[in-house]
Amino acid sequence: MPTTLTLKNIPDEVYERLKASAKTHRRSLNSEAIVCLESVLIPGRVAVSERLAKARALRASLAKAKFGAEDIDAYKREGRQ
């Protein structure tokens, strides 16, 4: 079950950076704090920059394949059988 945590005496600079980061990522202050804590404390989590690099590499490799709408529809149907 999730636990509630109250933080006190947060330095102004840390608060402002967290607030700006939350706004950039379109998250609440609470959600942004959780994401920041998870990224530091939970091992094995993939960094955003690494995930983006992998997605871009995948996109680039697929761009060479030139899938058409018909191909995509065929693959969708294949997966449903």
PDB file of N, CA and C in Angstrom:
ATOM      1  N   MET A   1       0.850  -1.174   0.000  1.00  0.00           N
ATOM      2  CA  MET A   1       0.000   0.000   0.000  1.00  0.00           C
ATOM      3  C   MET A   1       0.899   1.242   0.000  1.00  0.00           C
ATOM      4  N   PRO A   2       0.590   2.224  -0.820  1.00  0.00           N
ATOM      5  CA  PRO A   2       1.397   3.449  -0.857  1.00  0.00           C
ATOM      6  C   PRO A   2       1.386   4.171   0.496  1.00  0.00           C
ATOM      7  N   THR A   3       2.486   4.823   0.776  1.00  0.00           N
ATOM      8  CA  THR A   3       2.654   5.568   2.017  1.00  0.00           C
ATOM      9  C   THR A   3       2.749   7.047   1.709  1.00  0.00           C
ATOM     10  N   THR A   4       2.237   7.864   2.600  1.00  0.00           N
ATOM     11  CA  THR A   4       2.326   9.312   2.455  1.00  0.00           C
ATOM     12  C   THR A   4       3.603   9.787   3.127  1.00  0.00           C
ATOM     13  N   LEU A   5       4.307  10.696   2.463  1.00  0.00           N
ATOM     14  CA  LEU A   5       5.558  11.238   2.973  1.00  0.00           C
ATOM     15  C   LEU A   5       5.471  12.753   2.922  1.00  0.00           C
ATOM     16  N   THR A   6       5.795  13.391   4.017  1.00  0.00           N
ATOM     17  CA  THR A   6       5.823  14.853   4.070  1.00  0.00           C
ATOM     18  C   THR A   6       7.278  15.289   4.132  1.00  0.00           C
ATOM     19  N   LEU A   7       7.671  16.200   3.275  1.00  0.00           N
ATOM     20  CA  LEU A   7       9.040  16.713   3.267  1.00  0.00           C
ATOM     21  C   LEU A   7       9.047  18.117   3.837  1.00  0.00           C
ATOM     22  N   LYS A   8      10.011  18.378   4.696  1.00  0.00           N
ATOM     23  CA  LYS A   8      10.127  19.700   5.313  1.00  0.00           C
ATOM     24  C   LYS A   8      11.494  20.281   4.995  1.00  0.00           C
ATOM     25  N   ASN A   9      11.561  21.607   5.040  1.00  0.00           N
ATOM     26  CA  ASN A   9      12.819  22.332   4.866  1.00  0.00           C
ATOM     27  C   ASN A   9      13.505  22.035   3.537  1.00  0.00           C
ATOM     28  N   ILE A  10      12.713  21.928   2.489  1.00  0.00           N
ATOM     29  CA  ILE A  10      13.279  21.723   1.159  1.00  0.00           C
ATOM     30  C   ILE A  10      13.929  23.033   0.734  1.00  0.00           C
ATOM     31  N   PRO A  11      15.189  22.982   0.316  1.00  0.00           N
ATOM     32  CA  PRO A  11      15.839  24.219  -0.131  1.00  0.00           C
ATOM     33  C   PRO A  11      15.076  24.840  -1.307  1.00  0.00           C
ATOM     34  N   ASP A  12      15.010  26.168  -1.328  1.00  0.00           N
ATOM     35  CA  ASP A  12      14.258  26.866  -2.372  1.00  0.00           C
ATOM     36  C   ASP A  12      14.706  26.451  -3.773  1.00  0.00           C
ATOM     37  N   GLU A  13      16.009  26.318  -3.978  1.00  0.00           N
ATOM     38  CA  GLU A  13      16.516  25.951  -5.306  1.00  0.00           C
ATOM     39  C   GLU A  13      16.031  24.565  -5.726  1.00  0.00           C
ATOM     40  N   VAL A  14      16.029  23.619  -4.802  1.00  0.00           N
ATOM     41  CA  VAL A  14      15.555  22.262  -5.099  1.00  0.00           C
ATOM     42  C   VAL A  14      14.067  22.300  -5.425  1.00  0.00           C
ATOM     43  N   TYR A  15      13.311  23.037  -4.638  1.00  0.00           N
ATOM     44  CA  TYR A  15      11.870  23.151  -4.879  1.00  0.00           C
ATOM     45  C   TYR A  15      11.588  23.752  -6.255  1.00  0.00           C
ATOM     46  N   GLU A  16      12.291  24.826  -6.598  1.00  0.00           N
ATOM     47  CA  GLU A  16      12.064  25.488  -7.889  1.00  0.00           C
ATOM     48  C   GLU A  16      12.444  24.579  -9.050  1.00  0.00           C
ATOM     49  N   ARG A  17      13.527  23.837  -8.891  1.00  0.00           N
ATOM     50  CA  ARG A  17      13.936  22.909  -9.963  1.00  0.00           C
ATOM     51  C   ARG A  17      12.929  21.774 -10.117  1.00  0.00           C
ATOM     52  N   LEU A  18      12.425  21.265  -8.995  1.00  0.00           N
ATOM     53  CA  LEU A  18      11.414  20.210  -9.043  1.00  0.00           C
ATOM     54  C   LEU A  18      10.136  20.726  -9.688  1.00  0.00           C
ATOM     55  N   LYS A  19       9.748  21.922  -9.316  1.00  0.00           N
ATOM     56  CA  LYS A  19       8.542  22.542  -9.875  1.00  0.00           C
ATOM     57  C   LYS A  19       8.688  22.747 -11.387  1.00  0.00           C
ATOM     58  N   ALA A  20       9.847  23.233 -11.830  1.00  0.00           N
ATOM     59  CA  ALA A  20      10.096  23.438 -13.268  1.00  0.00           C
ATOM     60  C   ALA A  20      10.113  22.112 -14.013  1.00  0.00           C
ATOM     61  N   SER A  21      10.718  21.108 -13.408  1.00  0.00           N
ATOM     62  CA  SER A  21      10.767  19.785 -14.032  1.00  0.00           C
ATOM     63  C   SER A  21       9.363  19.191 -14.163  1.00  0.00           C
ATOM     64  N   ALA A  22       8.548  19.350 -13.132  1.00  0.00           N
ATOM     65  CA  ALA A  22       7.167  18.857 -13.177  1.00  0.00           C
ATOM     66  C   ALA A  22       6.394  19.535 -14.300  1.00  0.00           C
ATOM     67  N   LYS A  23       6.584  20.827 -14.445  1.00  0.00           N
ATOM     68  CA  LYS A  23       5.891  21.563 -15.501  1.00  0.00           C
ATOM     69  C   LYS A  23       6.348  21.082 -16.875  1.00  0.00           C
ATOM     70  N   THR A  24       7.652  20.886 -17.037  1.00  0.00           N
ATOM     71  CA  THR A  24       8.202  20.411 -18.310  1.00  0.00           C
ATOM     72  C   THR A  24       7.638  19.052 -18.692  1.00  0.00           C
ATOM     73  N   HIS A  25       7.506  18.171 -17.707  1.00  0.00           N
ATOM     74  CA  HIS A  25       7.023  16.814 -17.965  1.00  0.00           C
ATOM     75  C   HIS A  25       5.511  16.673 -17.823  1.00  0.00           C
ATOM     76  N   ARG A  26       4.842  17.796 -17.580  1.00  0.00           N
ATOM     77  CA  ARG A  26       3.380  17.812 -17.423  1.00  0.00           C
ATOM     78  C   ARG A  26       2.914  16.845 -16.331  1.00  0.00           C
ATOM     79  N   ARG A  27       3.595  16.950 -15.187  1.00  0.00           N
ATOM     80  CA  ARG A  27       3.250  16.126 -14.029  1.00  0.00           C
ATOM     81  C   ARG A  27       2.955  17.028 -12.845  1.00  0.00           C
ATOM     82  N   SER A  28       2.276  16.459 -11.875  1.00  0.00           N
ATOM     83  CA  SER A  28       2.093  17.172 -10.615  1.00  0.00           C
ATOM     84  C   SER A  28       3.430  17.176  -9.881  1.00  0.00           C
ATOM     85  N   LEU A  29       3.547  18.052  -8.909  1.00  0.00           N
ATOM     86  CA  LEU A  29       4.763  18.113  -8.099  1.00  0.00           C
ATOM     87  C   LEU A  29       4.991  16.770  -7.396  1.00  0.00           C
ATOM     88  N   ASN A  30       3.922  16.185  -6.898  1.00  0.00           N
ATOM     89  CA  ASN A  30       4.009  14.891  -6.231  1.00  0.00           C
ATOM     90  C   ASN A  30       4.518  13.811  -7.175  1.00  0.00           C
ATOM     91  N   SER A  31       3.940  13.736  -8.369  1.00  0.00           N
ATOM     92  CA  SER A  31       4.353  12.720  -9.344  1.00  0.00           C
ATOM     93  C   SER A  31       5.804  12.909  -9.757  1.00  0.00           C
ATOM     94  N   GLU A  32       6.204  14.152  -9.942  1.00  0.00           N
ATOM     95  CA  GLU A  32       7.585  14.428 -10.336  1.00  0.00           C
ATOM     96  C   GLU A  32       8.552  14.008  -9.228  1.00  0.00           C
ATOM     97  N   ALA A  33       8.197  14.267  -7.984  1.00  0.00           N
ATOM     98  CA  ALA A  33       9.048  13.858  -6.860  1.00  0.00           C
ATOM     99  C   ALA A  33       9.178  12.339  -6.812  1.00  0.00           C
ATOM    100  N   ILE A  34       8.083  11.628  -7.052  1.00  0.00           N
ATOM    101  CA  ILE A  34       8.118  10.161  -7.060  1.00  0.00           C
ATOM    102  C   ILE A  34       9.017   9.656  -8.186  1.00  0.00           C
ATOM    103  N   VAL A  35       8.880  10.225  -9.377  1.00  0.00           N
ATOM    104  CA  VAL A  35       9.716   9.821 -10.513  1.00  0.00           C
ATOM    105  C   VAL A  35      11.194  10.068 -10.198  1.00  0.00           C
ATOM    106  N   CYS A  36      11.506  11.211  -9.615  1.00  0.00           N
ATOM    107  CA  CYS A  36      12.899  11.524  -9.260  1.00  0.00           C
ATOM    108  C   CYS A  36      13.439  10.529  -8.235  1.00  0.00           C
ATOM    109  N   LEU A  37      12.642  10.229  -7.226  1.00  0.00           N
ATOM    110  CA  LEU A  37      13.079   9.269  -6.216  1.00  0.00           C
ATOM    111  C   LEU A  37      13.263   7.879  -6.812  1.00  0.00           C
ATOM    112  N   GLU A  38      12.332   7.452  -7.643  1.00  0.00           N
ATOM    113  CA  GLU A  38      12.440   6.137  -8.285  1.00  0.00           C
ATOM    114  C   GLU A  38      13.682   6.043  -9.157  1.00  0.00           C
ATOM    115  N   SER A  39      13.978   7.101  -9.893  1.00  0.00           N
ATOM    116  CA  SER A  39      15.125   7.050 -10.801  1.00  0.00           C
ATOM    117  C   SER A  39      16.440   6.896 -10.046  1.00  0.00           C
ATOM    118  N   VAL A  40      16.490   7.359  -8.812  1.00  0.00           N
ATOM    119  CA  VAL A  40      17.701   7.257  -8.009  1.00  0.00           C
ATOM    120  C   VAL A  40      17.726   5.970  -7.187  1.00  0.00           C
ATOM    121  N   LEU A  41      16.579   5.555  -6.684  1.00  0.00           N
ATOM    122  CA  LEU A  41      16.547   4.482  -5.703  1.00  0.00           C
ATOM    123  C   LEU A  41      16.230   3.095  -6.249  1.00  0.00           C
ATOM    124  N   ILE A  42      15.594   3.001  -7.398  1.00  0.00           N
ATOM    125  CA  ILE A  42      15.215   1.693  -7.933  1.00  0.00           C
ATOM    126  C   ILE A  42      16.215   1.290  -9.014  1.00  0.00           C
ATOM    127  N   PRO A  43      17.000   0.236  -8.758  1.00  0.00           N
ATOM    128  CA  PRO A  43      17.994  -0.182  -9.746  1.00  0.00           C
ATOM    129  C   PRO A  43      17.346  -0.797 -10.984  1.00  0.00           C
ATOM    130  N   GLY A  44      18.043  -0.720 -12.082  1.00  0.00           N
ATOM    131  CA  GLY A  44      17.564  -1.342 -13.309  1.00  0.00           C
ATOM    132  C   GLY A  44      16.608  -0.487 -14.110  1.00  0.00           C
ATOM    133  N   ARG A  45      16.280   0.657 -13.628  1.00  0.00           N
ATOM    134  CA  ARG A  45      15.382   1.544 -14.351  1.00  0.00           C
ATOM    135  C   ARG A  45      16.160   2.209 -15.477  1.00  0.00           C
ATOM    136  N   VAL A  46      15.574   2.260 -16.658  1.00  0.00           N
ATOM    137  CA  VAL A  46      16.243   2.819 -17.825  1.00  0.00           C
ATOM    138  C   VAL A  46      16.071   4.336 -17.831  1.00  0.00           C
ATOM    139  N   ALA A  47      17.175   5.037 -18.041  1.00  0.00           N
ATOM    140  CA  ALA A  47      17.132   6.496 -18.107  1.00  0.00           C
ATOM    141  C   ALA A  47      16.335   6.936 -19.325  1.00  0.00           C
ATOM    142  N   VAL A  48      15.691   8.072 -19.220  1.00  0.00           N
ATOM    143  CA  VAL A  48      14.879   8.605 -20.313  1.00  0.00           C
ATOM    144  C   VAL A  48      15.725   8.780 -21.562  1.00  0.00           C
ATOM    145  N   SER A  49      16.918   9.309 -21.411  1.00  0.00           N
ATOM    146  CA  SER A  49      17.785   9.536 -22.573  1.00  0.00           C
ATOM    147  C   SER A  49      18.133   8.221 -23.265  1.00  0.00           C
ATOM    148  N   GLU A  50      18.353   7.163 -22.478  1.00  0.00           N
ATOM    149  CA  GLU A  50      18.661   5.853 -23.060  1.00  0.00           C
ATOM    150  C   GLU A  50      17.442   5.287 -23.785  1.00  0.00           C
ATOM    151  N   ARG A  51      16.275   5.437 -23.178  1.00  0.00           N
ATOM    152  CA  ARG A  51      15.047   4.950 -23.805  1.00  0.00           C
ATOM    153  C   ARG A  51      14.781   5.688 -25.116  1.00  0.00           C
ATOM    154  N   LEU A  52      14.991   7.016 -25.127  1.00  0.00           N
ATOM    155  CA  LEU A  52      14.807   7.788 -26.353  1.00  0.00           C
ATOM    156  C   LEU A  52      15.796   7.377 -27.429  1.00  0.00           C
ATOM    157  N   ALA A  53      17.033   7.131 -27.046  1.00  0.00           N
ATOM    158  CA  ALA A  53      18.046   6.707 -28.012  1.00  0.00           C
ATOM    159  C   ALA A  53      17.654   5.382 -28.650  1.00  0.00           C
ATOM    160  N   LYS A  54      17.158   4.446 -27.847  1.00  0.00           N
ATOM    161  CA  LYS A  54      16.721   3.151 -28.383  1.00  0.00           C
ATOM    162  C   LYS A  54      15.525   3.316 -29.316  1.00  0.00           C
ATOM    163  N   ALA A  55      14.574   4.171 -28.927  1.00  0.00           N
ATOM    164  CA  ALA A  55      13.391   4.400 -29.762  1.00  0.00           C
ATOM    165  C   ALA A  55      13.780   5.028 -31.095  1.00  0.00           C
ATOM    166  N   ARG A  56      14.712   5.984 -31.056  1.00  0.00           N
ATOM    167  CA  ARG A  56      15.167   6.623 -32.295  1.00  0.00           C
ATOM    168  C   ARG A  56      15.899   5.641 -33.196  1.00  0.00           C
ATOM    169  N   ALA A  57      16.699   4.769 -32.607  1.00  0.00           N
ATOM    170  CA  ALA A  57      17.409   3.765 -33.392  1.00  0.00           C
ATOM    171  C   ALA A  57      16.428   2.793 -34.035  1.00  0.00           C
ATOM    172  N   LEU A  58      15.411   2.391 -33.284  1.00  0.00           N
ATOM    173  CA  LEU A  58      14.392   1.499 -33.832  1.00  0.00           C
ATOM    174  C   LEU A  58      13.636   2.177 -34.964  1.00  0.00           C
ATOM    175  N   ARG A  59      13.260   3.440 -34.755  1.00  0.00           N
ATOM    176  CA  ARG A  59      12.550   4.194 -35.783  1.00  0.00           C
ATOM    177  C   ARG A  59      13.390   4.298 -37.059  1.00  0.00           C
ATOM    178  N   ALA A  60      14.684   4.568 -36.890  1.00  0.00           N
ATOM    179  CA  ALA A  60      15.576   4.692 -38.046  1.00  0.00           C
ATOM    180  C   ALA A  60      15.692   3.369 -38.787  1.00  0.00           C
ATOM    181  N   SER A  61      15.756   2.258 -38.057  1.00  0.00           N
ATOM    182  CA  SER A  61      15.862   0.956 -38.724  1.00  0.00           C
ATOM    183  C   SER A  61      14.571   0.601 -39.457  1.00  0.00           C
ATOM    184  N   LEU A  62      13.431   1.019 -38.906  1.00  0.00           N
ATOM    185  CA  LEU A  62      12.152   0.730 -39.562  1.00  0.00           C
ATOM    186  C   LEU A  62      11.910   1.635 -40.767  1.00  0.00           C
ATOM    187  N   ALA A  63      12.490   2.820 -40.752  1.00  0.00           N
ATOM    188  CA  ALA A  63      12.308   3.750 -41.865  1.00  0.00           C
ATOM    189  C   ALA A  63      12.885   3.167 -43.146  1.00  0.00           C
ATOM    190  N   LYS A  64      13.902   2.347 -43.019  1.00  0.00           N
ATOM    191  CA  LYS A  64      14.528   1.727 -44.187  1.00  0.00           C
ATOM    192  C   LYS A  64      13.649   0.617 -44.764  1.00  0.00           C
ATOM    193  N   ALA A  65      12.771   0.041 -43.940  1.00  0.00           N
ATOM    194  CA  ALA A  65      11.947  -1.086 -44.366  1.00  0.00           C
ATOM    195  C   ALA A  65      10.793  -0.658 -45.262  1.00  0.00           C
ATOM    196  N   LYS A  66      10.337   0.582 -45.156  1.00  0.00           N
ATOM    197  CA  LYS A  66       9.242   1.120 -45.984  1.00  0.00           C
ATOM    198  C   LYS A  66       7.978   0.274 -45.898  1.00  0.00           C
ATOM    199  N   PHE A  67       7.395   0.234 -44.714  1.00  0.00           N
ATOM    200  CA  PHE A  67       6.120  -0.440 -44.542  1.00  0.00           C
ATOM    201  C   PHE A  67       5.010   0.419 -45.127  1.00  0.00           C
ATOM    202  N   GLY A  68       4.099  -0.214 -45.836  1.00  0.00           N
ATOM    203  CA  GLY A  68       2.932   0.486 -46.349  1.00  0.00           C
ATOM    204  C   GLY A  68       1.730   0.187 -45.476  1.00  0.00           C
ATOM    205  N   ALA A  69       0.640   0.892 -45.717  1.00  0.00           N
ATOM    206  CA  ALA A  69      -0.583   0.678 -44.933  1.00  0.00           C
ATOM    207  C   ALA A  69      -1.074  -0.754 -45.077  1.00  0.00           C
ATOM    208  N   GLU A  70      -0.952  -1.314 -46.281  1.00  0.00           N
ATOM    209  CA  GLU A  70      -1.388  -2.698 -46.507  1.00  0.00           C
ATOM    210  C   GLU A  70      -0.558  -3.671 -45.678  1.00  0.00           C
ATOM    211  N   ASP A  71       0.750  -3.418 -45.607  1.00  0.00           N
ATOM    212  CA  ASP A  71       1.629  -4.281 -44.816  1.00  0.00           C
ATOM    213  C   ASP A  71       1.246  -4.236 -43.350  1.00  0.00           C
ATOM    214  N   ILE A  72       0.991  -3.050 -42.853  1.00  0.00           N
ATOM    215  CA  ILE A  72       0.629  -2.886 -41.446  1.00  0.00           C
ATOM    216  C   ILE A  72      -0.681  -3.601 -41.146  1.00  0.00           C
ATOM    217  N   ASP A  73      -1.675  -3.446 -42.016  1.00  0.00           N
ATOM    218  CA  ASP A  73      -2.953  -4.140 -41.832  1.00  0.00           C
ATOM    219  C   ASP A  73      -2.766  -5.652 -41.841  1.00  0.00           C
ATOM    220  N   ALA A  74      -1.918  -6.147 -42.733  1.00  0.00           N
ATOM    221  CA  ALA A  74      -1.660  -7.590 -42.804  1.00  0.00           C
ATOM    222  C   ALA A  74      -1.017  -8.086 -41.515  1.00  0.00           C
ATOM    223  N   TYR A  75      -0.051  -7.334 -40.984  1.00  0.00           N
ATOM    224  CA  TYR A  75       0.594  -7.730 -39.727  1.00  0.00           C
ATOM    225  C   TYR A  75      -0.397  -7.710 -38.568  1.00  0.00           C
ATOM    226  N   LYS A  76      -1.301  -6.759 -38.566  1.00  0.00           N
ATOM    227  CA  LYS A  76      -2.314  -6.698 -37.507  1.00  0.00           C
ATOM    228  C   LYS A  76      -3.209  -7.937 -37.566  1.00  0.00           C
ATOM    229  N   ARG A  77      -3.652  -8.262 -38.784  1.00  0.00           N
ATOM    230  CA  ARG A  77      -4.514  -9.442 -38.935  1.00  0.00           C
ATOM    231  C   ARG A  77      -3.773 -10.716 -38.555  1.00  0.00           C
ATOM    232  N   GLU A  78      -2.505 -10.796 -38.906  1.00  0.00           N
ATOM    233  CA  GLU A  78      -1.695 -11.982 -38.599  1.00  0.00           C
ATOM    234  C   GLU A  78      -1.624 -12.196 -37.094  1.00  0.00           C
ATOM    235  N   GLY A  79      -1.472 -11.149 -36.340  1.00  0.00           N
ATOM    236  CA  GLY A  79      -1.369 -11.266 -34.899  1.00  0.00           C
ATOM    237  C   GLY A  79      -2.662 -11.662 -34.222  1.00  0.00           C
ATOM    238  N   ARG A  80      -3.775 -11.520 -34.900  1.00  0.00           N
ATOM    239  CA  ARG A  80      -5.081 -11.833 -34.304  1.00  0.00           C
ATOM    240  C   ARG A  80      -5.514 -13.263 -34.555  1.00  0.00           C
ATOM    241  N   GLN A  81      -4.813 -13.956 -35.386  1.00  0.00           N
ATOM    242  CA  GLN A  81      -5.250 -15.331 -35.731  1.00  0.00           C
ATOM    243  C   GLN A  81      -4.753 -16.351 -34.755  1.00  0.00           C
TER     244      GLN A  81
END
